[in-house]
Amino acid sequence: MSLLGAFNIGSTGLVAQAMRLNITASNVANAESVAGPDGRTYRARQVLFAPVPVENTQGAGVQVVDIVESKEPLKQEYKPFHPMADKNGYVQMPNVNPVEEMVNMISASRSYQMNIEMMNTTRQLMLKTLDLGR
């Protein structure tokens, strides 16, 4: 792999982790939303990654292949006077777990940071290589 290829790999990682951060932020923002614009209760979403296929190699980066909704059951909260309550007084709340989302946010943030560090190291290696030619 060339040093320029490392930039391509790093940039795919940056894009993927940025998408993961956006989805996590959306989950946190909607953790208390009873219904979205479509009238349904919000469900937590997760990003699925896959390696970028490249002929004759193990892969060259990562790509977002899908954003899936969680299959976890919705939370039931007893709020008898809420306009969206059922006949028993329960309201369906999103299945967002704030602790899991914070862990996801930290992990995505660190992965993003590592991709930046890898690209900086690659840049420094390229500059050192150019200095050798002087």
N, C-alpha and C. Protein backbone atom coordinates (compact mmCIF):
# COMPACT_ATOMS: atom_id res chain seq x y z
N MET A 1 0.84 -1.17 0.00
CA MET A 1 0.00 0.00 0.00
C MET A 1 0.89 1.24 0.00
N SER A 2 0.50 2.22 -0.78
CA SER A 2 1.25 3.46 -0.83
C SER A 2 0.84 4.37 0.32
N LEU A 3 1.65 5.38 0.56
CA LEU A 3 1.31 6.34 1.60
C LEU A 3 0.05 7.12 1.24
N LEU A 4 -0.16 7.37 -0.05
CA LEU A 4 -1.39 8.05 -0.47
C LEU A 4 -2.62 7.18 -0.20
N GLY A 5 -2.46 5.87 -0.30
CA GLY A 5 -3.57 4.96 0.00
C GLY A 5 -4.00 5.07 1.45
N ALA A 6 -3.06 5.38 2.32
CA ALA A 6 -3.39 5.54 3.75
C ALA A 6 -4.34 6.70 3.95
N PHE A 7 -4.19 7.75 3.13
CA PHE A 7 -5.12 8.89 3.23
C PHE A 7 -6.53 8.48 2.81
N ASN A 8 -6.63 7.65 1.78
CA ASN A 8 -7.94 7.17 1.34
C ASN A 8 -8.61 6.34 2.42
N ILE A 9 -7.83 5.46 3.04
CA ILE A 9 -8.37 4.61 4.11
C ILE A 9 -8.80 5.48 5.29
N GLY A 10 -7.95 6.42 5.68
CA GLY A 10 -8.28 7.31 6.79
C GLY A 10 -9.52 8.14 6.53
N SER A 11 -9.66 8.62 5.29
CA SER A 11 -10.83 9.46 4.98
C SER A 11 -12.12 8.65 5.03
N THR A 12 -12.08 7.37 4.62
CA THR A 12 -13.30 6.56 4.73
C THR A 12 -13.67 6.34 6.19
N GLY A 13 -12.65 6.19 7.04
CA GLY A 13 -12.90 6.04 8.47
C GLY A 13 -13.50 7.30 9.07
N LEU A 14 -13.02 8.46 8.63
CA LEU A 14 -13.56 9.74 9.12
C LEU A 14 -15.03 9.88 8.75
N VAL A 15 -15.36 9.57 7.51
CA VAL A 15 -16.75 9.68 7.05
C VAL A 15 -17.65 8.73 7.83
N ALA A 16 -17.19 7.49 8.00
CA ALA A 16 -17.99 6.49 8.71
C ALA A 16 -18.22 6.88 10.17
N GLN A 17 -17.17 7.34 10.86
CA GLN A 17 -17.31 7.71 12.27
C GLN A 17 -18.13 8.99 12.43
N ALA A 18 -18.05 9.90 11.47
CA ALA A 18 -18.89 11.10 11.51
C ALA A 18 -20.36 10.72 11.40
N MET A 19 -20.67 9.76 10.53
CA MET A 19 -22.05 9.28 10.40
C MET A 19 -22.50 8.62 11.71
N ARG A 20 -21.62 7.85 12.31
CA ARG A 20 -21.94 7.20 13.59
C ARG A 20 -22.21 8.24 14.68
N LEU A 21 -21.40 9.30 14.71
CA LEU A 21 -21.63 10.38 15.68
C LEU A 21 -22.97 11.08 15.44
N ASN A 22 -23.31 11.31 14.17
CA ASN A 22 -24.59 11.95 13.85
C ASN A 22 -25.78 11.11 14.29
N ILE A 23 -25.70 9.81 14.04
CA ILE A 23 -26.80 8.91 14.43
C ILE A 23 -26.91 8.85 15.95
N THR A 24 -25.77 8.79 16.64
CA THR A 24 -25.78 8.77 18.10
C THR A 24 -26.38 10.06 18.65
N ALA A 25 -26.02 11.19 18.07
CA ALA A 25 -26.58 12.48 18.50
C ALA A 25 -28.10 12.50 18.27
N SER A 26 -28.55 11.93 17.17
CA SER A 26 -29.98 11.85 16.89
C SER A 26 -30.69 10.98 17.93
N ASN A 27 -30.07 9.87 18.29
CA ASN A 27 -30.64 9.00 19.32
C ASN A 27 -30.78 9.74 20.65
N VAL A 28 -29.73 10.43 21.05
CA VAL A 28 -29.76 11.17 22.32
C VAL A 28 -30.81 12.28 22.27
N ALA A 29 -30.87 12.98 21.16
CA ALA A 29 -31.82 14.09 21.03
C ALA A 29 -33.27 13.61 21.10
N ASN A 30 -33.53 12.38 20.64
CA ASN A 30 -34.89 11.87 20.61
C ASN A 30 -35.21 10.90 21.75
N ALA A 31 -34.36 10.85 22.76
CA ALA A 31 -34.54 9.90 23.86
C ALA A 31 -35.85 10.10 24.60
N GLU A 32 -36.39 11.31 24.60
CA GLU A 32 -37.64 11.59 25.30
C GLU A 32 -38.78 11.94 24.35
N SER A 33 -38.59 11.73 23.05
CA SER A 33 -39.63 12.05 22.05
C SER A 33 -40.70 10.97 22.07
N VAL A 34 -41.92 11.39 22.22
CA VAL A 34 -43.02 10.42 22.23
C VAL A 34 -43.35 9.98 20.81
N ALA A 35 -43.36 10.93 19.87
CA ALA A 35 -43.67 10.60 18.49
C ALA A 35 -42.89 11.50 17.55
N GLY A 36 -42.53 10.95 16.41
CA GLY A 36 -41.82 11.71 15.39
C GLY A 36 -42.79 12.31 14.40
N PRO A 37 -42.28 12.89 13.32
CA PRO A 37 -43.14 13.50 12.31
C PRO A 37 -44.08 12.49 11.64
N ASP A 38 -43.68 11.22 11.64
CA ASP A 38 -44.52 10.19 11.03
C ASP A 38 -45.57 9.65 12.00
N GLY A 39 -45.56 10.13 13.24
CA GLY A 39 -46.52 9.70 14.24
C GLY A 39 -46.10 8.48 15.03
N ARG A 40 -45.01 7.84 14.61
CA ARG A 40 -44.50 6.66 15.31
C ARG A 40 -43.55 7.07 16.42
N THR A 41 -43.43 6.20 17.42
CA THR A 41 -42.45 6.42 18.48
C THR A 41 -41.06 6.20 17.91
N TYR A 42 -40.14 7.07 18.28
CA TYR A 42 -38.77 6.99 17.78
C TYR A 42 -38.12 5.70 18.26
N ARG A 43 -37.37 5.06 17.40
CA ARG A 43 -36.59 3.87 17.75
C ARG A 43 -35.11 4.19 17.54
N ALA A 44 -34.29 3.71 18.48
CA ALA A 44 -32.85 3.92 18.39
C ALA A 44 -32.33 3.35 17.08
N ARG A 45 -31.33 4.03 16.53
CA ARG A 45 -30.73 3.60 15.27
C ARG A 45 -29.24 3.31 15.48
N GLN A 46 -28.72 2.40 14.68
CA GLN A 46 -27.31 2.05 14.72
C GLN A 46 -26.78 2.01 13.29
N VAL A 47 -25.49 2.30 13.14
CA VAL A 47 -24.84 2.30 11.84
C VAL A 47 -24.11 0.97 11.65
N LEU A 48 -24.27 0.39 10.47
CA LEU A 48 -23.56 -0.85 10.13
C LEU A 48 -22.43 -0.52 9.16
N PHE A 49 -21.23 -1.00 9.49
CA PHE A 49 -20.05 -0.78 8.66
C PHE A 49 -19.67 -2.05 7.93
N ALA A 50 -18.96 -1.89 6.82
CA ALA A 50 -18.37 -3.01 6.09
C ALA A 50 -17.08 -2.52 5.44
N PRO A 51 -16.14 -3.42 5.20
CA PRO A 51 -14.91 -2.99 4.52
C PRO A 51 -15.22 -2.58 3.08
N VAL A 52 -14.46 -1.61 2.59
CA VAL A 52 -14.58 -1.21 1.19
C VAL A 52 -13.88 -2.27 0.35
N PRO A 53 -14.61 -2.95 -0.52
CA PRO A 53 -13.96 -4.01 -1.31
C PRO A 53 -13.04 -3.43 -2.38
N VAL A 54 -11.85 -3.99 -2.44
CA VAL A 54 -10.88 -3.62 -3.46
C VAL A 54 -10.30 -4.92 -4.02
N GLU A 55 -10.21 -5.00 -5.34
CA GLU A 55 -9.70 -6.22 -5.96
C GLU A 55 -8.29 -6.56 -5.47
N ASN A 56 -8.06 -7.83 -5.21
CA ASN A 56 -6.75 -8.39 -4.85
C ASN A 56 -6.18 -7.83 -3.53
N THR A 57 -7.03 -7.32 -2.65
CA THR A 57 -6.56 -6.84 -1.35
C THR A 57 -7.53 -7.26 -0.27
N GLN A 58 -7.15 -6.99 0.96
CA GLN A 58 -8.01 -7.28 2.11
C GLN A 58 -9.10 -6.22 2.27
N GLY A 59 -9.01 -5.15 1.56
CA GLY A 59 -9.96 -4.05 1.68
C GLY A 59 -9.19 -2.76 1.88
N ALA A 60 -9.85 -1.67 1.65
CA ALA A 60 -9.16 -0.38 1.75
C ALA A 60 -10.08 0.64 2.40
N GLY A 61 -10.34 0.45 3.66
CA GLY A 61 -11.18 1.39 4.38
C GLY A 61 -12.48 0.78 4.81
N VAL A 62 -13.41 1.65 5.12
CA VAL A 62 -14.70 1.21 5.64
C VAL A 62 -15.80 2.05 4.99
N GLN A 63 -16.97 1.46 4.91
CA GLN A 63 -18.11 2.20 4.38
C GLN A 63 -19.34 1.92 5.23
N VAL A 64 -20.25 2.87 5.25
CA VAL A 64 -21.53 2.67 5.93
C VAL A 64 -22.43 1.93 4.95
N VAL A 65 -22.90 0.75 5.36
CA VAL A 65 -23.75 -0.03 4.47
C VAL A 65 -25.24 0.11 4.80
N ASP A 66 -25.53 0.46 6.05
CA ASP A 66 -26.94 0.59 6.42
C ASP A 66 -27.08 1.29 7.77
N ILE A 67 -28.23 1.85 7.98
CA ILE A 67 -28.61 2.39 9.28
C ILE A 67 -29.87 1.63 9.67
N VAL A 68 -29.78 0.89 10.77
CA VAL A 68 -30.88 0.01 11.17
C VAL A 68 -31.52 0.50 12.46
N GLU A 69 -32.81 0.23 12.58
CA GLU A 69 -33.52 0.54 13.82
C GLU A 69 -33.35 -0.60 14.80
N SER A 70 -33.26 -0.26 16.07
CA SER A 70 -33.12 -1.25 17.12
C SER A 70 -34.39 -2.11 17.21
N LYS A 71 -34.19 -3.38 17.49
CA LYS A 71 -35.31 -4.31 17.67
C LYS A 71 -35.75 -4.41 19.14
N GLU A 72 -35.05 -3.67 20.01
CA GLU A 72 -35.41 -3.67 21.43
C GLU A 72 -36.85 -3.16 21.59
N PRO A 73 -37.57 -3.68 22.58
CA PRO A 73 -38.94 -3.18 22.78
C PRO A 73 -38.93 -1.73 23.27
N LEU A 74 -40.00 -1.03 22.93
CA LEU A 74 -40.14 0.34 23.39
C LEU A 74 -40.38 0.36 24.89
N LYS A 75 -39.99 1.44 25.53
CA LYS A 75 -40.22 1.58 26.97
C LYS A 75 -41.67 1.98 27.21
N GLN A 76 -42.23 1.48 28.27
CA GLN A 76 -43.60 1.84 28.67
C GLN A 76 -43.52 2.69 29.92
N GLU A 77 -44.02 3.91 29.86
CA GLU A 77 -44.03 4.79 31.03
C GLU A 77 -45.46 5.11 31.40
N TYR A 78 -45.71 5.08 32.69
CA TYR A 78 -47.05 5.37 33.19
C TYR A 78 -47.23 6.87 33.28
N LYS A 79 -48.06 7.41 32.38
CA LYS A 79 -48.38 8.85 32.34
C LYS A 79 -49.85 8.95 31.97
N PRO A 80 -50.74 8.74 32.92
CA PRO A 80 -52.16 8.63 32.60
C PRO A 80 -52.78 9.89 31.98
N PHE A 81 -52.20 11.05 32.21
CA PHE A 81 -52.80 12.28 31.69
C PHE A 81 -52.13 12.77 30.39
N HIS A 82 -51.20 11.99 29.89
CA HIS A 82 -50.53 12.35 28.64
C HIS A 82 -51.48 12.11 27.47
N PRO A 83 -51.52 13.01 26.48
CA PRO A 83 -52.45 12.83 25.35
C PRO A 83 -52.19 11.57 24.52
N MET A 84 -50.99 11.03 24.59
CA MET A 84 -50.66 9.83 23.80
C MET A 84 -50.79 8.55 24.63
N ALA A 85 -51.31 8.64 25.84
CA ALA A 85 -51.43 7.47 26.72
C ALA A 85 -52.49 6.52 26.18
N ASP A 86 -52.25 5.22 26.38
CA ASP A 86 -53.25 4.23 25.99
C ASP A 86 -54.33 4.16 27.06
N LYS A 87 -55.26 3.24 26.92
CA LYS A 87 -56.40 3.16 27.87
C LYS A 87 -55.95 2.80 29.28
N ASN A 88 -54.75 2.20 29.43
CA ASN A 88 -54.22 1.86 30.75
C ASN A 88 -53.33 2.96 31.33
N GLY A 89 -53.13 4.06 30.57
CA GLY A 89 -52.34 5.17 31.05
C GLY A 89 -50.86 5.09 30.72
N TYR A 90 -50.48 4.15 29.86
CA TYR A 90 -49.07 4.00 29.50
C TYR A 90 -48.76 4.68 28.16
N VAL A 91 -47.60 5.28 28.11
CA VAL A 91 -47.12 5.93 26.89
C VAL A 91 -45.90 5.17 26.40
N GLN A 92 -45.85 4.89 25.10
CA GLN A 92 -44.67 4.23 24.53
C GLN A 92 -43.59 5.27 24.33
N MET A 93 -42.43 5.01 24.94
CA MET A 93 -41.29 5.92 24.85
C MET A 93 -40.19 5.25 24.03
N PRO A 94 -39.28 6.04 23.47
CA PRO A 94 -38.20 5.46 22.66
C PRO A 94 -37.36 4.45 23.43
N ASN A 95 -36.78 3.51 22.68
CA ASN A 95 -35.94 2.48 23.27
C ASN A 95 -34.47 2.90 23.30
N VAL A 96 -34.23 4.18 23.50
CA VAL A 96 -32.87 4.72 23.55
C VAL A 96 -32.32 4.56 24.96
N ASN A 97 -31.14 3.95 25.06
CA ASN A 97 -30.46 3.80 26.35
C ASN A 97 -29.36 4.87 26.39
N PRO A 98 -29.53 5.91 27.21
CA PRO A 98 -28.55 7.00 27.23
C PRO A 98 -27.12 6.55 27.57
N VAL A 99 -26.98 5.55 28.42
CA VAL A 99 -25.64 5.07 28.78
C VAL A 99 -24.97 4.43 27.56
N GLU A 100 -25.69 3.58 26.84
CA GLU A 100 -25.14 2.97 25.63
C GLU A 100 -24.79 4.03 24.59
N GLU A 101 -25.62 5.04 24.49
CA GLU A 101 -25.37 6.10 23.51
C GLU A 101 -24.13 6.91 23.87
N MET A 102 -23.90 7.14 25.14
CA MET A 102 -22.69 7.86 25.55
C MET A 102 -21.44 7.03 25.26
N VAL A 103 -21.52 5.72 25.51
CA VAL A 103 -20.40 4.84 25.18
C VAL A 103 -20.15 4.85 23.68
N ASN A 104 -21.23 4.80 22.89
CA ASN A 104 -21.12 4.87 21.44
C ASN A 104 -20.47 6.17 21.00
N MET A 105 -20.88 7.27 21.64
CA MET A 105 -20.34 8.58 21.28
C MET A 105 -18.84 8.67 21.59
N ILE A 106 -18.45 8.16 22.73
CA ILE A 106 -17.03 8.17 23.11
C ILE A 106 -16.23 7.30 22.15
N SER A 107 -16.75 6.12 21.83
CA SER A 107 -16.06 5.20 20.92
C SER A 107 -15.91 5.80 19.53
N ALA A 108 -16.98 6.39 19.00
CA ALA A 108 -16.92 7.01 17.68
C ALA A 108 -15.97 8.19 17.67
N SER A 109 -15.99 8.97 18.73
CA SER A 109 -15.11 10.13 18.84
C SER A 109 -13.64 9.71 18.86
N ARG A 110 -13.34 8.67 19.63
CA ARG A 110 -11.97 8.17 19.70
C ARG A 110 -11.52 7.56 18.37
N SER A 111 -12.42 6.85 17.71
CA SER A 111 -12.09 6.28 16.41
C SER A 111 -11.82 7.39 15.39
N TYR A 112 -12.62 8.43 15.42
CA TYR A 112 -12.42 9.58 14.54
C TYR A 112 -11.04 10.19 14.81
N GLN A 113 -10.73 10.36 16.09
CA GLN A 113 -9.45 10.94 16.50
C GLN A 113 -8.28 10.07 16.02
N MET A 114 -8.42 8.75 16.13
CA MET A 114 -7.35 7.85 15.69
C MET A 114 -7.13 7.94 14.19
N ASN A 115 -8.20 8.10 13.42
CA ASN A 115 -8.06 8.26 11.98
C ASN A 115 -7.31 9.55 11.65
N ILE A 116 -7.60 10.62 12.38
CA ILE A 116 -6.88 11.89 12.19
C ILE A 116 -5.40 11.70 12.52
N GLU A 117 -5.11 11.01 13.62
CA GLU A 117 -3.71 10.76 14.01
C GLU A 117 -2.97 9.94 12.97
N MET A 118 -3.65 8.93 12.43
CA MET A 118 -3.02 8.10 11.41
C MET A 118 -2.70 8.94 10.17
N MET A 119 -3.61 9.81 9.79
CA MET A 119 -3.38 10.65 8.61
C MET A 119 -2.26 11.66 8.89
N ASN A 120 -2.18 12.19 10.09
CA ASN A 120 -1.08 13.11 10.45
C ASN A 120 0.27 12.38 10.42
N THR A 121 0.29 11.16 10.94
CA THR A 121 1.53 10.38 10.92
C THR A 121 1.96 10.09 9.48
N THR A 122 1.00 9.75 8.64
CA THR A 122 1.30 9.49 7.23
C THR A 122 1.87 10.76 6.57
N ARG A 123 1.27 11.90 6.86
CA ARG A 123 1.76 13.17 6.31
C ARG A 123 3.20 13.42 6.76
N GLN A 124 3.48 13.17 8.04
CA GLN A 124 4.85 13.36 8.55
C GLN A 124 5.84 12.42 7.87
N LEU A 125 5.43 11.18 7.63
CA LEU A 125 6.28 10.22 6.92
C LEU A 125 6.57 10.70 5.50
N MET A 126 5.57 11.24 4.83
CA MET A 126 5.77 11.74 3.48
C MET A 126 6.74 12.93 3.48
N LEU A 127 6.61 13.81 4.46
CA LEU A 127 7.51 14.96 4.55
C LEU A 127 8.94 14.51 4.84
N LYS A 128 9.11 13.53 5.72
CA LYS A 128 10.44 13.00 6.03
C LYS A 128 11.06 12.35 4.79
N THR A 129 10.24 11.66 4.01
CA THR A 129 10.73 11.04 2.78
C THR A 129 11.22 12.10 1.79
N LEU A 130 10.47 13.21 1.71
CA LEU A 130 10.91 14.29 0.82
C LEU A 130 12.20 14.93 1.32
N ASP A 131 12.37 15.01 2.64
CA ASP A 131 13.61 15.56 3.21
C ASP A 131 14.81 14.68 2.88
N LEU A 132 14.61 13.38 2.75
CA LEU A 132 15.72 12.48 2.42
C LEU A 132 16.29 12.78 1.04
N GLY A 133 15.46 13.29 0.16
CA GLY A 133 15.90 13.57 -1.20
C GLY A 133 16.69 14.86 -1.34
N ARG A 134 16.79 15.64 -0.29
CA ARG A 134 17.52 16.92 -0.37
C ARG A 134 18.98 16.73 -0.22
